[in-house]
Amino acid sequence: MTGTSVDALDIAVLRIRHFGLQMHATLLATSTVPLGKLAAPLRRLANQEAMTAGDIAKLQRAFALLHLEALQPLHERHKIQFVSVHGQTVYHAPPDSWQLFQPAPLAHGLGLPVVYDLRAADLANGGQGAPLTPLADFLLLRHGTEDRAVANLGGFCNVTRLPGGQDIDRIVGADVCACNQVLDAVARAVLDAPCDRDGQAAMAGTPDEQATQALVSVLRRQAKAGRSLGTGDEAGAWVERHRAVGPADLAASACAAVATVIAAAAAGTERLVLAGGGVRNRRLVAELTARSTCPVVLSDDLGMPAAYREAMAWAVLGALCQDRHHIALPQVTNADRTAIAGVWCLP
């Protein structure tokens, strides 16, 4: 999995027993590999900057080879049977979407089947192609009686609402707003850093009320848009308008605004579970805890390392594809019907 933050490749190796909605997943290993020199061109492409076809082709192959290099030692240790790959989202405006990936170098390099392009089937059926993680959240984080909301603090935040019990028709999920996209934009603009590591700058600052409310307005429009997010939602213009607030205070303002919108989207549940790379930002977690109407826990407390929630989810979704079970929920993506997803590349 590599998300819209365009910073690293996250890998989760799972042992999966049983089939379809009866499956049980156990985490065996995780790994994170920085995108390195590939990050800048991938980000340019995601920002819709012009690139030649030749440059895109070279980037796509180099990206696949990074996956191969990262997976080889894990395959040697765990005897992986197949790989489920998200690819890099470089454009998402349904019905058009592009998760950049070239599977053949990975499939032939490892000698394993690779499933990718998991969003295409839902898009073809009139859906948003996102979020796809709610069914994986059901299999990994559901509770027998407790209603839970799972908030993924990634480049964009999506929230899955899991009712207690086994009924997948009652699962609700939606993309909410930009999250780390905004926090990282602040870091690049005023901290001269790719991110505010551990939320240190934000912890030292005080939210500016005007700047915070201005960003809340931007993010609420995203939350009410009823669409999946993925391109052009970084709220970068807000950063430029409020630079005078000061670095630490602007970072704190961004955390406060993002937390306000996410907490509202998760209201009315019995427990809020936080996952995704954003849990490393202590200020963001503190703001969410303060604004939530229910107890807040990290997914780590439930056996899922927060930083690997999406990688684990993608493994589960790939297994569902292998089992010929649909992965998108029409009530979440607004698709006309369910479909078997995934494109397979065989070695």
Protein backbone atom coordinates (compact mmCIF):
# COMPACT_ATOMS: atom_id res chain seq x y z
CA MET A 1 0.00 0.00 0.00
CA THR A 2 1.19 3.48 -0.81
CA GLY A 3 -1.27 6.22 -0.02
CA THR A 4 -2.00 9.78 -1.03
CA SER A 5 0.72 11.09 1.26
CA VAL A 6 3.17 9.67 -1.32
CA ASP A 7 5.92 9.00 1.20
CA ALA A 8 6.46 5.26 1.61
CA LEU A 9 5.43 1.75 0.66
CA ASP A 10 3.77 -0.11 3.55
CA ILE A 11 3.69 -3.91 3.48
CA ALA A 12 1.70 -6.32 5.63
CA VAL A 13 2.09 -10.10 5.43
CA LEU A 14 -1.03 -11.93 6.62
CA ARG A 15 -1.88 -15.56 7.19
CA ILE A 16 -5.49 -15.99 6.14
CA ARG A 17 -7.56 -19.02 7.08
CA HIS A 18 -11.04 -19.94 5.79
CA PHE A 19 -12.82 -18.24 2.91
CA GLY A 20 -14.93 -15.23 2.07
CA LEU A 21 -16.62 -13.54 5.01
CA GLN A 22 -15.59 -16.45 7.25
CA MET A 23 -11.90 -15.67 6.85
CA HIS A 24 -9.65 -15.01 9.82
CA ALA A 25 -6.47 -12.98 9.31
CA THR A 26 -3.33 -13.05 11.45
CA LEU A 27 -0.56 -10.49 10.97
CA LEU A 28 2.84 -12.11 10.46
CA ALA A 29 5.13 -9.24 9.47
CA THR A 30 5.22 -5.61 8.43
CA SER A 31 7.69 -3.44 6.59
CA THR A 32 7.95 0.16 5.42
CA VAL A 33 10.17 1.20 2.53
CA PRO A 34 10.62 4.91 1.71
CA LEU A 35 9.77 5.89 -1.85
CA GLY A 36 13.07 7.77 -2.02
CA LYS A 37 13.75 9.38 -5.37
CA LEU A 38 10.42 8.12 -6.71
CA ALA A 39 8.42 10.28 -4.30
CA ALA A 40 8.98 13.56 -6.11
CA PRO A 41 7.91 12.42 -9.62
CA LEU A 42 4.96 10.45 -8.19
CA ARG A 43 3.82 13.55 -6.34
CA ARG A 44 4.21 15.67 -9.50
CA LEU A 45 2.09 13.21 -11.43
CA ALA A 46 -0.54 13.15 -8.66
CA ASN A 47 -0.54 16.96 -8.71
CA GLN A 48 -1.44 16.79 -12.41
CA GLU A 49 1.85 18.28 -13.59
CA ALA A 50 2.78 17.48 -17.17
CA MET A 51 5.07 14.47 -17.77
CA THR A 52 6.01 12.70 -20.98
CA ALA A 53 4.69 9.23 -21.71
CA GLY A 54 8.27 8.00 -21.60
CA ASP A 55 8.86 9.44 -18.14
CA ILE A 56 5.61 7.91 -16.87
CA ALA A 57 6.55 4.51 -18.31
CA LYS A 58 9.97 4.61 -16.61
CA LEU A 59 8.43 5.76 -13.34
CA GLN A 60 5.84 2.99 -13.43
CA ARG A 61 8.49 0.30 -13.95
CA ALA A 62 10.80 1.72 -11.26
CA PHE A 63 7.84 1.79 -8.87
CA ALA A 64 7.12 -1.90 -9.56
CA LEU A 65 10.78 -2.78 -9.01
CA LEU A 66 10.67 -1.02 -5.64
CA HIS A 67 7.80 -3.32 -4.67
CA LEU A 68 9.85 -6.30 -5.84
CA GLU A 69 12.91 -5.27 -3.84
CA ALA A 70 10.81 -4.69 -0.74
CA LEU A 71 8.92 -7.99 -0.97
CA GLN A 72 11.76 -10.38 -1.82
CA PRO A 73 13.12 -10.80 1.74
CA LEU A 74 9.59 -11.18 3.12
CA HIS A 75 8.80 -13.82 0.50
CA GLU A 76 11.94 -15.76 1.38
CA ARG A 77 10.94 -15.74 5.05
CA HIS A 78 7.19 -16.33 4.82
CA LYS A 79 6.61 -18.10 1.49
CA ILE A 80 4.01 -15.64 0.27
CA GLN A 81 1.35 -17.15 -2.02
CA PHE A 82 0.08 -14.04 -3.80
CA VAL A 83 0.35 -10.25 -3.61
CA SER A 84 -2.43 -7.65 -3.46
CA VAL A 85 -1.21 -4.23 -4.62
CA HIS A 86 -2.93 -0.87 -4.37
CA GLY A 87 -0.66 1.16 -6.64
CA GLN A 88 -0.17 4.91 -6.39
CA THR A 89 -3.30 7.01 -6.83
CA VAL A 90 -2.29 9.70 -9.30
CA TYR A 91 -5.81 10.69 -10.32
CA HIS A 92 -9.21 10.06 -8.79
CA ALA A 93 -12.34 11.81 -10.04
CA PRO A 94 -14.97 9.09 -10.60
CA PRO A 95 -15.72 7.58 -12.97
CA ASP A 96 -12.08 8.20 -13.88
CA SER A 97 -9.35 6.90 -11.59
CA TRP A 98 -5.76 5.73 -11.97
CA GLN A 99 -3.83 3.68 -9.43
CA LEU A 100 -0.44 3.65 -11.15
CA PHE A 101 1.19 0.21 -11.18
CA GLN A 102 2.85 -2.24 -13.58
CA PRO A 103 2.34 -5.76 -12.19
CA ALA A 104 4.46 -7.90 -14.52
CA PRO A 105 7.91 -7.06 -13.03
CA LEU A 106 6.57 -7.98 -9.58
CA ALA A 107 4.70 -11.13 -10.64
CA HIS A 108 7.61 -12.49 -12.66
CA GLY A 109 10.27 -11.36 -10.22
CA LEU A 110 8.62 -13.17 -7.31
CA GLY A 111 7.05 -15.97 -9.33
CA LEU A 112 3.68 -15.17 -7.73
CA PRO A 113 0.23 -14.03 -8.87
CA VAL A 114 -0.44 -10.33 -8.34
CA VAL A 115 -3.91 -8.77 -8.04
CA TYR A 116 -4.22 -5.02 -8.58
CA ASP A 117 -6.59 -2.30 -9.85
CA LEU A 118 -9.18 -3.26 -7.23
CA ARG A 119 -11.23 -0.08 -7.73
CA ALA A 120 -12.06 -0.52 -11.42
CA ALA A 121 -15.00 -2.92 -11.09
CA ASP A 122 -16.88 -0.64 -8.70
CA LEU A 123 -16.23 2.36 -10.93
CA ALA A 124 -17.57 0.42 -13.91
CA ASN A 125 -20.76 -0.25 -11.95
CA GLY A 126 -21.35 3.44 -11.29
CA GLY A 127 -19.66 3.53 -7.88
CA GLN A 128 -17.05 5.89 -6.51
CA GLY A 129 -14.42 3.13 -6.29
CA ALA A 130 -13.84 4.23 -2.69
CA PRO A 131 -13.72 3.70 0.13
CA LEU A 132 -13.09 -0.02 -0.26
CA THR A 133 -11.76 -0.64 3.24
CA PRO A 134 -15.12 -0.97 5.12
CA LEU A 135 -15.52 -4.68 4.37
CA ALA A 136 -11.91 -5.30 5.43
CA ASP A 137 -12.57 -3.28 8.60
CA PHE A 138 -15.54 -5.57 9.25
CA LEU A 139 -13.35 -8.66 9.00
CA LEU A 140 -10.49 -7.20 11.05
CA LEU A 141 -12.08 -4.91 13.65
CA ARG A 142 -15.76 -5.70 14.17
CA HIS A 143 -17.18 -6.44 17.62
CA GLY A 144 -20.04 -8.76 18.51
CA THR A 145 -22.17 -6.10 20.20
CA GLU A 146 -20.33 -2.76 20.22
CA ASP A 147 -20.88 -0.14 17.51
CA ARG A 148 -17.50 1.17 16.35
CA ALA A 149 -16.25 3.89 14.05
CA VAL A 150 -12.86 3.36 12.41
CA ALA A 151 -11.16 6.56 11.29
CA ASN A 152 -8.21 6.14 8.98
CA LEU A 153 -5.90 9.13 9.35
CA GLY A 154 -4.17 8.93 6.00
CA GLY A 155 -3.58 11.51 3.29
CA PHE A 156 -7.36 11.68 3.35
CA CYS A 157 -9.52 10.48 6.21
CA ASN A 158 -12.21 7.90 5.68
CA VAL A 159 -14.54 6.65 8.40
CA THR A 160 -16.12 3.20 8.58
CA ARG A 161 -19.06 2.71 10.93
CA LEU A 162 -19.27 -0.91 12.05
CA PRO A 163 -22.49 -1.96 13.80
CA GLY A 164 -22.09 -4.69 16.39
CA GLY A 165 -22.79 -8.12 14.91
CA GLN A 166 -22.51 -9.77 11.52
CA ASP A 167 -24.77 -7.78 9.17
CA ILE A 168 -22.61 -6.25 6.40
CA ASP A 169 -25.65 -4.46 4.96
CA ARG A 170 -25.58 -2.10 7.95
CA ILE A 171 -21.94 -1.07 7.44
CA VAL A 172 -21.57 2.60 6.49
CA GLY A 173 -18.42 4.28 5.25
CA ALA A 174 -17.30 7.44 3.51
CA ASP A 175 -14.31 9.58 2.71
CA VAL A 176 -14.47 12.57 5.04
CA CYS A 177 -11.79 15.15 4.33
CA ALA A 178 -8.13 15.78 3.66
CA CYS A 179 -6.00 14.86 6.67
CA ASN A 180 -2.26 14.30 6.34
CA GLN A 181 -2.45 16.06 2.99
CA VAL A 182 -3.15 19.29 4.89
CA LEU A 183 -0.74 18.61 7.76
CA ASP A 184 2.08 17.76 5.35
CA ALA A 185 1.32 20.79 3.20
CA VAL A 186 1.76 22.95 6.32
CA ALA A 187 5.06 21.22 7.12
CA ARG A 188 6.41 21.72 3.61
CA ALA A 189 5.30 25.34 3.45
CA VAL A 190 6.29 26.69 6.86
CA LEU A 191 8.41 24.07 8.63
CA ASP A 192 10.71 23.25 5.69
CA ALA A 193 10.09 19.55 6.37
CA PRO A 194 8.16 16.78 4.62
CA CYS A 195 5.98 16.33 7.72
CA ASP A 196 5.58 17.52 11.30
CA ARG A 197 7.22 14.47 12.87
CA ASP A 198 5.18 13.24 15.85
CA GLY A 199 3.30 16.54 15.74
CA GLN A 200 6.13 18.30 17.57
CA ALA A 201 5.54 21.71 16.02
CA ALA A 202 1.77 21.43 16.47
CA MET A 203 2.22 20.45 20.13
CA ALA A 204 4.22 23.64 20.66
CA GLY A 205 1.62 25.86 19.01
CA THR A 206 -1.81 27.26 19.81
CA PRO A 207 -4.65 27.04 17.27
CA ASP A 208 -5.54 30.36 15.69
CA GLU A 209 -9.33 30.64 15.81
CA GLN A 210 -9.74 32.41 12.46
CA ALA A 211 -7.39 30.08 10.61
CA THR A 212 -8.94 27.01 12.24
CA GLN A 213 -12.51 27.98 11.34
CA ALA A 214 -11.48 28.85 7.79
CA LEU A 215 -10.04 25.36 7.32
CA VAL A 216 -13.03 23.73 9.02
CA SER A 217 -15.22 25.37 6.37
CA VAL A 218 -13.06 23.95 3.57
CA LEU A 219 -13.02 20.46 5.07
CA ARG A 220 -16.74 20.43 5.82
CA ARG A 221 -17.42 21.06 2.15
CA GLN A 222 -15.39 17.93 1.39
CA ALA A 223 -17.27 15.96 4.07
CA LYS A 224 -20.65 16.97 2.61
CA ALA A 225 -19.68 16.45 -1.02
CA GLY A 226 -20.81 12.81 -1.08
CA ARG A 227 -17.86 11.80 -3.22
CA SER A 228 -14.66 9.90 -2.80
CA LEU A 229 -11.52 11.96 -2.41
CA GLY A 230 -8.12 11.53 -3.96
CA THR A 231 -7.15 14.40 -6.24
CA GLY A 232 -6.99 18.14 -5.69
CA ASP A 233 -8.21 18.17 -2.08
CA GLU A 234 -5.08 19.29 -0.24
CA ALA A 235 -6.48 22.69 0.81
CA GLY A 236 -3.10 24.15 -0.11
CA ALA A 237 -4.62 27.57 -0.73
CA TRP A 238 -5.57 27.72 2.95
CA VAL A 239 -1.92 27.29 3.94
CA GLU A 240 -0.85 30.20 1.77
CA ARG A 241 -3.61 32.49 3.08
CA HIS A 242 -2.67 31.90 6.72
CA ARG A 243 1.13 31.69 6.65
CA ALA A 244 1.35 34.80 8.82
CA VAL A 245 -0.12 32.87 11.76
CA GLY A 246 3.32 31.37 12.38
CA PRO A 247 4.65 27.82 11.85
CA ALA A 248 3.74 26.15 15.16
CA ASP A 249 0.36 27.86 15.46
CA LEU A 250 -0.52 27.04 11.86
CA ALA A 251 0.35 23.38 12.45
CA ALA A 252 -1.81 23.38 15.58
CA SER A 253 -4.65 25.08 13.70
CA ALA A 254 -4.56 22.43 10.99
CA CYS A 255 -4.75 19.62 13.57
CA ALA A 256 -7.66 21.30 15.36
CA ALA A 257 -9.62 21.81 12.14
CA VAL A 258 -9.06 18.28 10.83
CA ALA A 259 -10.03 16.79 14.21
CA THR A 260 -13.21 18.89 14.37
CA VAL A 261 -14.50 17.55 11.06
CA ILE A 262 -13.49 13.93 11.68
CA ALA A 263 -14.99 13.85 15.19
CA ALA A 264 -18.29 15.14 13.80
CA ALA A 265 -18.30 12.43 11.11
CA ALA A 266 -17.75 9.73 13.75
CA ALA A 267 -20.29 11.00 16.28
CA GLY A 268 -22.97 8.68 17.62
CA THR A 269 -20.88 5.52 17.98
CA GLU A 270 -19.70 3.66 21.08
CA ARG A 271 -15.98 3.67 20.33
CA LEU A 272 -13.75 5.56 17.92
CA VAL A 273 -10.81 3.57 16.61
CA LEU A 274 -7.94 5.57 15.10
CA ALA A 275 -5.67 4.05 12.46
CA GLY A 276 -3.32 5.23 9.72
CA GLY A 277 -0.09 7.17 9.74
CA GLY A 278 -1.74 10.22 11.29
CA VAL A 279 -1.79 8.52 14.70
CA ARG A 280 1.89 9.44 14.97
CA ASN A 281 0.84 13.10 15.18
CA ARG A 282 0.29 13.51 18.92
CA ARG A 283 -1.52 16.83 18.50
CA LEU A 284 -4.00 15.38 16.02
CA VAL A 285 -4.75 12.43 18.33
CA ALA A 286 -5.11 14.76 21.32
CA GLU A 287 -7.52 17.02 19.42
CA LEU A 288 -9.60 14.04 18.29
CA THR A 289 -9.72 12.66 21.83
CA ALA A 290 -10.87 16.02 23.16
CA ARG A 291 -13.59 16.43 20.51
CA SER A 292 -14.94 12.87 20.38
CA THR A 293 -18.22 12.03 22.09
CA CYS A 294 -17.06 8.46 22.88
CA PRO A 295 -13.90 6.68 24.07
CA VAL A 296 -11.00 6.86 21.61
CA VAL A 297 -8.50 4.04 21.12
CA LEU A 298 -5.73 3.32 18.64
CA SER A 299 -6.16 0.28 16.44
CA ASP A 300 -2.91 -0.98 18.02
CA ASP A 301 -4.97 -1.61 21.16
CA LEU A 302 -7.12 -4.01 19.11
CA GLY A 303 -4.22 -5.91 17.53
CA MET A 304 -3.85 -3.86 14.35
CA PRO A 305 -0.72 -1.68 14.05
CA ALA A 306 -2.18 1.69 13.12
CA ALA A 307 0.41 2.47 10.47
CA TYR A 308 -0.41 -0.76 8.62
CA ARG A 309 -4.20 -0.66 8.70
CA GLU A 310 -4.51 0.01 4.96
CA ALA A 311 -1.85 -2.52 3.98
CA MET A 312 -3.62 -5.17 6.07
CA ALA A 313 -6.96 -4.16 4.57
CA TRP A 314 -5.57 -4.49 1.06
CA ALA A 315 -4.34 -8.01 1.80
CA VAL A 316 -7.81 -8.97 3.04
CA LEU A 317 -9.46 -7.39 -0.01
CA GLY A 318 -7.08 -9.29 -2.28
CA ALA A 319 -8.02 -12.52 -0.53
CA LEU A 320 -11.71 -11.74 -1.05
CA CYS A 321 -10.99 -11.21 -4.74
CA GLN A 322 -9.26 -14.60 -4.85
CA ASP A 323 -12.33 -16.14 -3.17
CA ARG A 324 -14.57 -14.53 -5.82
CA HIS A 325 -16.34 -12.40 -3.23
CA HIS A 326 -17.19 -8.76 -3.89
CA ILE A 327 -15.18 -6.16 -1.96
CA ALA A 328 -17.20 -2.97 -2.49
CA LEU A 329 -20.39 -2.27 -0.57
CA PRO A 330 -23.02 -0.49 -2.69
CA GLN A 331 -24.34 1.47 0.30
CA VAL A 332 -20.82 2.86 0.71
CA THR A 333 -19.68 3.46 -2.87
CA ASN A 334 -23.15 4.09 -4.40
CA ALA A 335 -22.56 1.46 -7.08
CA ASP A 336 -25.52 -0.03 -8.97
CA ARG A 337 -24.55 -3.56 -7.94
CA THR A 338 -21.69 -5.64 -6.58
CA ALA A 339 -19.01 -7.15 -8.79
CA ILE A 340 -15.95 -9.35 -8.50
CA ALA A 341 -12.98 -6.97 -8.48
CA GLY A 342 -9.28 -7.14 -9.26
CA VAL A 343 -7.07 -7.66 -12.28
CA TRP A 344 -4.70 -10.62 -12.00
CA CYS A 345 -1.21 -10.88 -13.45
CA LEU A 346 0.18 -14.42 -13.41
CA PRO A 347 3.91 -15.29 -13.44
